[in-house]
């Protein structure tokens, strides 16, 4: 769970730091573009504790991958503008 939270934070900071000028990325833009991933972050606590370790690993790895790909899409779209 913590890996997903840290991944979201690091990707957000990276996006903010790499943007500049007219194409400045802000927290508001990140939140709006990555809202599904953000909601999944807040819903992690509701995962059934009876799930197997493999299920947890698959779920959390999938979320981390979605965060990274969403951040990449945000950065690419920002560069095109």
C-alpha atoms as a PDB file:
ATOM      1  CA  UNK A   1       0.000   0.000   0.000  1.00  0.00           C
ATOM      2  CA  UNK A   2       2.733   2.412   0.935  1.00  0.00           C
ATOM      3  CA  UNK A   3       4.546   1.759  -2.345  1.00  0.00           C
ATOM      4  CA  UNK A   4       1.468   2.944  -4.259  1.00  0.00           C
ATOM      5  CA  UNK A   5       1.171   6.115  -2.189  1.00  0.00           C
ATOM      6  CA  UNK A   6       4.880   6.895  -2.577  1.00  0.00           C
ATOM      7  CA  UNK A   7       4.700   6.186  -6.320  1.00  0.00           C
ATOM      8  CA  UNK A   8       1.822   8.646  -6.709  1.00  0.00           C
ATOM      9  CA  UNK A   9       3.697  11.271  -4.696  1.00  0.00           C
ATOM     10  CA  UNK A  10       6.991  10.798  -6.559  1.00  0.00           C
ATOM     11  CA  UNK A  11       5.349  10.836  -9.978  1.00  0.00           C
ATOM     12  CA  UNK A  12       3.405  13.978  -9.054  1.00  0.00           C
ATOM     13  CA  UNK A  13       6.507  15.798  -7.808  1.00  0.00           C
ATOM     14  CA  UNK A  14       8.417  14.696 -10.911  1.00  0.00           C
ATOM     15  CA  UNK A  15       5.658  16.043 -13.179  1.00  0.00           C
ATOM     16  CA  UNK A  16       5.564  19.360 -11.340  1.00  0.00           C
ATOM     17  CA  UNK A  17       9.336  19.774 -11.384  1.00  0.00           C
ATOM     18  CA  UNK A  18       9.689  18.926 -15.085  1.00  0.00           C
ATOM     19  CA  UNK A  19       6.980  21.328 -16.226  1.00  0.00           C
ATOM     20  CA  UNK A  20       7.600  24.995 -16.843  1.00  0.00           C
ATOM     21  CA  UNK A  21       6.213  28.197 -18.270  1.00  0.00           C
ATOM     22  CA  UNK A  22       2.830  28.056 -19.954  1.00  0.00           C
ATOM     23  CA  UNK A  23       2.681  24.291 -19.592  1.00  0.00           C
ATOM     24  CA  UNK A  24       3.132  24.294 -15.824  1.00  0.00           C
ATOM     25  CA  UNK A  25       1.599  21.235 -14.163  1.00  0.00           C
ATOM     26  CA  UNK A  26      -0.149  21.919 -10.871  1.00  0.00           C
ATOM     27  CA  UNK A  27      -1.626  19.696  -8.192  1.00  0.00           C
ATOM     28  CA  UNK A  28      -5.103  20.543  -9.509  1.00  0.00           C
ATOM     29  CA  UNK A  29      -4.209  19.305 -12.987  1.00  0.00           C
ATOM     30  CA  UNK A  30      -2.646  16.129 -11.591  1.00  0.00           C
ATOM     31  CA  UNK A  31      -5.690  15.461  -9.431  1.00  0.00           C
ATOM     32  CA  UNK A  32      -8.102  15.998 -12.328  1.00  0.00           C
ATOM     33  CA  UNK A  33      -6.133  13.888 -14.803  1.00  0.00           C
ATOM     34  CA  UNK A  34      -5.265  11.086 -12.379  1.00  0.00           C
ATOM     35  CA  UNK A  35      -8.545  11.081 -10.469  1.00  0.00           C
ATOM     36  CA  UNK A  36      -9.287   7.364 -11.073  1.00  0.00           C
ATOM     37  CA  UNK A  37      -5.865   6.409  -9.715  1.00  0.00           C
ATOM     38  CA  UNK A  38      -6.274   8.776  -6.769  1.00  0.00           C
ATOM     39  CA  UNK A  39      -9.646   7.261  -5.915  1.00  0.00           C
ATOM     40  CA  UNK A  40      -8.143   3.782  -6.112  1.00  0.00           C
ATOM     41  CA  UNK A  41      -5.469   4.958  -3.659  1.00  0.00           C
ATOM     42  CA  UNK A  42      -8.120   6.000  -1.177  1.00  0.00           C
ATOM     43  CA  UNK A  43     -10.040   2.752  -1.664  1.00  0.00           C
ATOM     44  CA  UNK A  44      -7.061   0.475  -0.934  1.00  0.00           C
ATOM     45  CA  UNK A  45      -8.042   0.254   2.706  1.00  0.00           C
ATOM     46  CA  UNK A  46     -11.220  -1.579   1.755  1.00  0.00           C
ATOM     47  CA  UNK A  47      -9.431  -4.534   0.161  1.00  0.00           C
ATOM     48  CA  UNK A  48     -10.528  -7.758   1.807  1.00  0.00           C
ATOM     49  CA  UNK A  49      -7.816  -8.888   4.261  1.00  0.00           C
ATOM     50  CA  UNK A  50      -8.744 -12.505   3.508  1.00  0.00           C
ATOM     51  CA  UNK A  51      -7.311 -12.189  -0.006  1.00  0.00           C
ATOM     52  CA  UNK A  52      -4.151 -14.114  -0.715  1.00  0.00           C
ATOM     53  CA  UNK A  53      -0.768 -12.450  -0.807  1.00  0.00           C
ATOM     54  CA  UNK A  54      -0.638 -13.028  -4.564  1.00  0.00           C
ATOM     55  CA  UNK A  55      -3.946 -11.169  -4.994  1.00  0.00           C
ATOM     56  CA  UNK A  56      -2.651  -8.224  -2.969  1.00  0.00           C
ATOM     57  CA  UNK A  57       0.607  -8.106  -4.920  1.00  0.00           C
ATOM     58  CA  UNK A  58      -1.270  -8.189  -8.221  1.00  0.00           C
ATOM     59  CA  UNK A  59      -3.681  -5.441  -7.139  1.00  0.00           C
ATOM     60  CA  UNK A  60      -1.006  -3.114  -5.794  1.00  0.00           C
ATOM     61  CA  UNK A  61       1.395  -3.671  -8.718  1.00  0.00           C
ATOM     62  CA  UNK A  62      -1.456  -2.946 -11.113  1.00  0.00           C
ATOM     63  CA  UNK A  63      -2.236   0.286  -9.267  1.00  0.00           C
ATOM     64  CA  UNK A  64       1.419   1.368  -9.307  1.00  0.00           C
ATOM     65  CA  UNK A  65       1.618   0.652 -13.043  1.00  0.00           C
ATOM     66  CA  UNK A  66      -1.574   2.654 -13.639  1.00  0.00           C
ATOM     67  CA  UNK A  67      -0.163   5.590 -11.677  1.00  0.00           C
ATOM     68  CA  UNK A  68       3.079   5.594 -13.664  1.00  0.00           C
ATOM     69  CA  UNK A  69       1.314   5.279 -17.030  1.00  0.00           C
ATOM     70  CA  UNK A  70      -1.202   8.000 -16.095  1.00  0.00           C
ATOM     71  CA  UNK A  71       1.607  10.300 -15.068  1.00  0.00           C
ATOM     72  CA  UNK A  72       3.457   9.569 -18.303  1.00  0.00           C
ATOM     73  CA  UNK A  73       0.333  10.399 -20.340  1.00  0.00           C
ATOM     74  CA  UNK A  74      -0.102  13.634 -18.393  1.00  0.00           C
ATOM     75  CA  UNK A  75       3.501  14.660 -19.075  1.00  0.00           C
ATOM     76  CA  UNK A  76       3.251  13.782 -22.775  1.00  0.00           C
ATOM     77  CA  UNK A  77      -0.020  15.686 -23.171  1.00  0.00           C
ATOM     78  CA  UNK A  78       1.523  18.648 -21.397  1.00  0.00           C
ATOM     79  CA  UNK A  79       4.508  18.694 -23.757  1.00  0.00           C
ATOM     80  CA  UNK A  80       2.271  18.683 -26.830  1.00  0.00           C
ATOM     81  CA  UNK A  81       0.383  21.841 -25.791  1.00  0.00           C
END
